[in-house]
Amino acid sequence: MFTASKSYLEKFFSGCAYRAFLYRRWNLKKEFMSKPMRFGIAVHGAIETSLRTKKDVMELEWDPVEVDVLDRAQRAVNWLQKNGYEVIATEVEHIAPLSETIQLYGIIDCIAKAPSGEIVLIDWKTSKNLWAPLKLEGGEIVYVGAQGWQGPIYLTPPYESAILEEWPKKMLYVVIPEGETVEAYSYHKTDADDRALLRACELVRVAEEDGNFPKNTGTFTCNSCDFKQVCWQTIGWQKYYDARNKHAKKEEEGDEE
């Protein structure tokens, strides 16, 4: 059974399919992550801790952390309370069937009940600004950030759920910008989205089965890649990564010998 995730698909379709191959094998260590990536992880952690303990972010004790991390986390919690959302669960592992040969995987930040009674999935997004709208020729307003792989993956019903009897049909991307009002952008899955997701997953599945992940090298492509060190086998590349799976761990042990 082939398992696809948002990150795996994004790496494959990022301009260099080989990133997906490396992503399957290696995790970039936290100390070598970009500052925005580390910041987003910290904000997510603070929100989850606050919701799990049912305490305001500022009431909890924290190791040294950026003030902006706690501020954004508190604003996210305030947004939930202000809009009357009742938290049902946080950090929910999601495994769902897409076809007979493909399943989907992800971690859902939050499942909550709206004042209307509707159950929604929530994903927290840290950003410098709120998302900008894109107006189409027909007059429709779309937000590009809400149109990626994540929504179709998370809104696909799981094999089973110990939390919900019926899986939600709506996802909210809650953007927590720098010094601005928190705002939610809704997403509803369409049949076209399902077809696109299936086709994308099939392409990656075949690439994995064939071991064929074409590498696209170039100044822009490589310089912006988290896997540049392991890809080019630079001196001391191992210090940047942790092995993600058994095969990579075996290779790492072999290198050390």
Protein backbone atom coordinates (compact mmCIF):
# COMPACT_ATOMS: atom_id res chain seq x y z
CA MET A 1 0.00 0.00 0.00
CA PHE A 2 1.44 3.34 -1.07
CA THR A 3 1.07 6.16 1.48
CA ALA A 4 0.92 9.77 0.35
CA SER A 5 1.09 12.91 2.46
CA LYS A 6 0.85 16.62 1.77
CA SER A 7 4.59 17.08 2.27
CA TYR A 8 5.51 14.11 0.06
CA LEU A 9 3.35 15.41 -2.80
CA GLU A 10 4.66 18.95 -2.40
CA LYS A 11 8.25 17.74 -2.58
CA PHE A 12 7.57 15.64 -5.69
CA PHE A 13 5.89 18.51 -7.55
CA SER A 14 8.27 21.20 -6.27
CA GLY A 15 10.36 21.43 -9.42
CA CYS A 16 12.69 18.56 -8.49
CA ALA A 17 11.06 15.16 -7.96
CA TYR A 18 14.23 13.88 -6.29
CA ARG A 19 13.30 15.97 -3.23
CA ALA A 20 10.46 13.53 -2.59
CA PHE A 21 12.89 10.60 -2.61
CA LEU A 22 15.18 12.35 -0.13
CA TYR A 23 12.24 13.46 2.02
CA ARG A 24 11.20 9.82 2.42
CA ARG A 25 14.64 9.00 3.77
CA TRP A 26 15.83 12.01 5.75
CA ASN A 27 14.53 14.54 8.27
CA LEU A 28 16.26 17.89 8.42
CA LYS A 29 17.41 18.41 12.02
CA LYS A 30 15.68 21.21 13.87
CA GLU A 31 18.82 23.28 14.29
CA PHE A 32 19.26 23.41 10.51
CA MET A 33 15.64 24.24 9.69
CA SER A 34 14.85 27.71 8.40
CA LYS A 35 13.78 30.25 11.01
CA PRO A 36 10.18 30.44 9.65
CA MET A 37 9.89 26.64 9.83
CA ARG A 38 11.13 26.52 13.43
CA PHE A 39 8.85 29.41 14.31
CA GLY A 40 5.77 27.70 12.86
CA ILE A 41 6.53 24.46 14.71
CA ALA A 42 6.90 26.39 17.98
CA VAL A 43 3.58 28.20 17.50
CA HIS A 44 1.78 24.94 16.71
CA GLY A 45 3.25 23.37 19.84
CA ALA A 46 2.15 26.26 22.04
CA ILE A 47 -1.39 26.19 20.66
CA GLU A 48 -1.68 22.42 21.12
CA THR A 49 -0.40 22.61 24.72
CA SER A 50 -2.85 25.39 25.56
CA LEU A 51 -5.84 23.52 24.10
CA ARG A 52 -4.83 20.21 25.67
CA THR A 53 -4.36 21.68 29.15
CA LYS A 54 -7.32 24.08 28.74
CA LYS A 55 -5.19 26.97 29.95
CA ASP A 56 -4.35 30.25 28.26
CA VAL A 57 -0.93 30.29 26.66
CA MET A 58 0.28 33.03 29.00
CA GLU A 59 -0.74 31.01 32.08
CA LEU A 60 1.61 28.16 31.22
CA GLU A 61 5.30 27.89 32.04
CA TRP A 62 7.61 27.82 29.06
CA ASP A 63 11.27 27.31 28.39
CA PRO A 64 12.90 30.38 26.78
CA VAL A 65 10.83 31.13 23.68
CA GLU A 66 10.22 34.09 21.38
CA VAL A 67 7.52 36.42 22.68
CA ASP A 68 5.92 36.40 19.21
CA VAL A 69 5.49 32.61 19.42
CA LEU A 70 3.37 32.91 22.57
CA ASP A 71 1.54 35.97 21.23
CA ARG A 72 0.46 34.22 18.06
CA ALA A 73 -0.50 31.06 19.90
CA GLN A 74 -2.62 33.06 22.34
CA ARG A 75 -4.32 34.91 19.48
CA ALA A 76 -5.20 31.57 17.88
CA VAL A 77 -6.74 30.31 21.13
CA ASN A 78 -8.58 33.64 21.50
CA TRP A 79 -9.94 33.25 17.97
CA LEU A 80 -11.45 29.87 18.85
CA GLN A 81 -13.06 31.25 21.99
CA LYS A 82 -14.30 34.46 20.36
CA ASN A 83 -15.95 32.55 17.51
CA GLY A 84 -17.51 29.96 19.80
CA TYR A 85 -15.64 26.87 18.62
CA GLU A 86 -15.62 23.88 20.94
CA VAL A 87 -12.41 21.87 20.63
CA ILE A 88 -13.05 18.15 20.18
CA ALA A 89 -9.48 16.93 19.62
CA THR A 90 -5.99 18.13 18.71
CA GLU A 91 -3.04 16.57 16.87
CA VAL A 92 -5.15 13.79 15.34
CA GLU A 93 -3.37 11.18 13.23
CA HIS A 94 -5.25 10.82 9.96
CA ILE A 95 -5.00 7.72 7.75
CA ALA A 96 -7.52 7.44 4.94
CA PRO A 97 -8.05 5.21 1.90
CA LEU A 98 -7.92 6.91 -1.50
CA SER A 99 -7.96 3.82 -3.72
CA GLU A 100 -7.21 0.10 -3.51
CA THR A 101 -3.48 0.83 -3.71
CA ILE A 102 -3.16 4.30 -2.13
CA GLN A 103 -3.80 5.68 1.34
CA LEU A 104 -3.39 9.20 2.70
CA TYR A 105 -1.61 10.36 5.84
CA GLY A 106 -1.47 13.55 7.88
CA ILE A 107 -1.72 15.09 11.34
CA ILE A 108 -4.78 17.27 11.82
CA ASP A 109 -4.09 20.25 14.08
CA CYS A 110 -7.58 20.54 15.52
CA ILE A 111 -11.11 19.17 15.18
CA ALA A 112 -13.77 21.53 16.52
CA LYS A 113 -17.50 22.12 16.64
CA ALA A 114 -18.80 25.47 15.38
CA PRO A 115 -21.67 27.29 17.15
CA SER A 116 -23.93 26.03 14.34
CA GLY A 117 -23.10 22.44 15.32
CA GLU A 118 -21.01 21.84 12.21
CA ILE A 119 -17.80 19.88 12.79
CA VAL A 120 -14.75 21.33 11.04
CA LEU A 121 -11.08 20.52 10.65
CA ILE A 122 -8.68 23.33 11.52
CA ASP A 123 -5.13 23.87 10.36
CA TRP A 124 -3.04 26.65 11.89
CA LYS A 125 -0.93 28.76 9.53
CA THR A 126 1.69 31.28 10.59
CA SER A 127 2.33 34.01 8.06
CA LYS A 128 3.66 37.55 7.94
CA ASN A 129 0.36 38.78 6.49
CA LEU A 130 -3.15 37.55 5.89
CA TRP A 131 -3.67 35.68 2.63
CA ALA A 132 -4.31 37.87 -0.40
CA PRO A 133 -7.37 37.17 -2.55
CA LEU A 134 -7.14 36.29 -6.22
CA LYS A 135 -10.02 37.48 -8.41
CA LEU A 136 -10.80 35.29 -11.41
CA GLU A 137 -12.24 36.40 -14.75
CA GLY A 138 -15.66 35.10 -13.80
CA GLY A 139 -15.67 37.25 -10.66
CA GLU A 140 -14.91 34.41 -8.24
CA ILE A 141 -12.60 35.20 -5.35
CA VAL A 142 -10.15 32.45 -4.35
CA TYR A 143 -7.33 32.15 -1.84
CA VAL A 144 -4.50 30.16 -3.35
CA GLY A 145 -3.22 29.05 0.07
CA ALA A 146 -6.43 27.09 0.63
CA GLN A 147 -6.22 25.18 -2.66
CA GLY A 148 -3.31 22.79 -2.05
CA TRP A 149 -3.13 19.05 -1.32
CA GLN A 150 -3.80 19.39 2.39
CA GLY A 151 -7.54 20.01 2.20
CA PRO A 152 -8.39 17.05 -0.07
CA ILE A 153 -6.20 14.75 2.02
CA TYR A 154 -7.64 15.73 5.40
CA LEU A 155 -11.25 15.81 4.21
CA THR A 156 -11.04 12.27 2.85
CA PRO A 157 -12.80 10.09 5.47
CA PRO A 158 -10.40 7.85 7.43
CA TYR A 159 -10.61 4.07 7.66
CA GLU A 160 -12.17 4.59 11.07
CA SER A 161 -12.54 7.34 13.63
CA ALA A 162 -12.85 6.97 17.38
CA ILE A 163 -13.79 10.64 17.59
CA LEU A 164 -16.48 11.25 14.97
CA GLU A 165 -19.33 9.23 13.49
CA GLU A 166 -19.43 11.36 10.34
CA TRP A 167 -16.33 12.93 8.85
CA PRO A 168 -16.34 16.75 8.34
CA LYS A 169 -16.84 18.26 4.91
CA LYS A 170 -15.26 21.62 5.72
CA MET A 171 -11.72 22.67 6.57
CA LEU A 172 -10.58 25.98 7.98
CA TYR A 173 -7.12 27.35 7.41
CA VAL A 174 -6.69 29.75 10.33
CA VAL A 175 -3.96 32.25 9.50
CA ILE A 176 -2.18 33.89 12.41
CA PRO A 177 -0.30 36.82 10.91
CA GLU A 178 2.21 39.22 12.38
CA GLY A 179 0.33 41.86 14.39
CA GLU A 180 -2.95 41.49 12.51
CA THR A 181 -6.35 40.01 13.15
CA VAL A 182 -6.53 36.21 12.91
CA GLU A 183 -8.66 35.11 9.97
CA ALA A 184 -10.03 31.78 8.75
CA TYR A 185 -10.24 30.68 5.10
CA SER A 186 -12.65 27.86 4.40
CA TYR A 187 -12.20 24.96 1.99
CA HIS A 188 -14.72 22.41 0.69
CA LYS A 189 -13.51 19.45 -1.32
CA THR A 190 -14.85 18.90 -4.86
CA ASP A 191 -14.91 15.86 -7.15
CA ALA A 192 -12.33 17.61 -9.32
CA ASP A 193 -10.07 17.94 -6.28
CA ASP A 194 -10.42 14.22 -5.60
CA ARG A 195 -9.54 13.35 -9.19
CA ALA A 196 -6.51 15.64 -9.14
CA LEU A 197 -5.33 14.16 -5.85
CA LEU A 198 -5.71 10.61 -7.13
CA ARG A 199 -3.81 11.40 -10.32
CA ALA A 200 -1.01 13.10 -8.41
CA CYS A 201 -0.71 10.20 -5.99
CA GLU A 202 -0.62 7.71 -8.87
CA LEU A 203 2.29 9.56 -10.46
CA VAL A 204 4.26 9.50 -7.21
CA ARG A 205 3.33 5.86 -6.54
CA VAL A 206 4.67 4.80 -9.94
CA ALA A 207 7.84 6.82 -9.39
CA GLU A 208 8.38 5.09 -6.06
CA GLU A 209 7.72 1.62 -7.48
CA ASP A 210 10.14 2.26 -10.37
CA GLY A 211 12.67 4.05 -8.20
CA ASN A 212 12.54 6.89 -10.71
CA PHE A 213 12.71 10.37 -9.15
CA PRO A 214 14.30 12.67 -11.78
CA LYS A 215 16.76 15.16 -10.34
CA ASN A 216 16.57 18.77 -11.50
CA THR A 217 19.77 20.56 -10.57
CA GLY A 218 20.36 24.27 -10.86
CA THR A 219 21.33 27.29 -8.79
CA PHE A 220 17.80 28.31 -7.82
CA THR A 221 16.48 24.77 -7.39
CA CYS A 222 19.37 23.56 -5.26
CA ASN A 223 19.97 26.65 -3.13
CA SER A 224 16.37 26.66 -1.94
CA CYS A 225 16.34 22.94 -1.12
CA ASP A 226 16.45 21.51 2.42
CA PHE A 227 18.16 18.40 1.07
CA LYS A 228 21.06 20.09 -0.75
CA GLN A 229 23.69 18.64 1.60
CA VAL A 230 22.62 15.00 1.37
CA CYS A 231 21.83 15.28 -2.35
CA TRP A 232 25.29 16.55 -3.23
CA GLN A 233 27.00 14.50 -0.50
CA THR A 234 28.88 17.54 0.80
CA ILE A 235 31.56 17.06 3.46
CA GLY A 236 29.88 16.27 6.78
CA TRP A 237 26.40 16.11 5.26
CA GLN A 238 25.26 13.61 7.92
CA LYS A 239 25.23 16.30 10.62
CA TYR A 240 22.28 18.00 8.94
CA TYR A 241 19.89 15.04 8.96
CA ASP A 242 18.21 12.29 10.95
CA ALA A 243 17.30 9.05 9.17
CA ARG A 244 13.55 8.81 8.56
CA ASN A 245 13.25 5.11 7.77
CA LYS A 246 15.04 1.79 8.25
CA HIS A 247 16.69 1.82 4.84
CA ALA A 248 18.22 5.25 5.43
CA LYS A 249 19.28 4.28 8.96
CA LYS A 250 21.07 1.23 7.57
CA GLU A 251 22.88 3.41 5.05
CA GLU A 252 23.81 5.88 7.77
CA GLU A 253 25.25 3.10 9.92
CA GLY A 254 27.22 1.86 6.93
CA ASP A 255 28.67 5.34 6.37
CA GLU A 256 29.81 5.50 9.99
CA GLU A 257 31.61 2.17 9.64
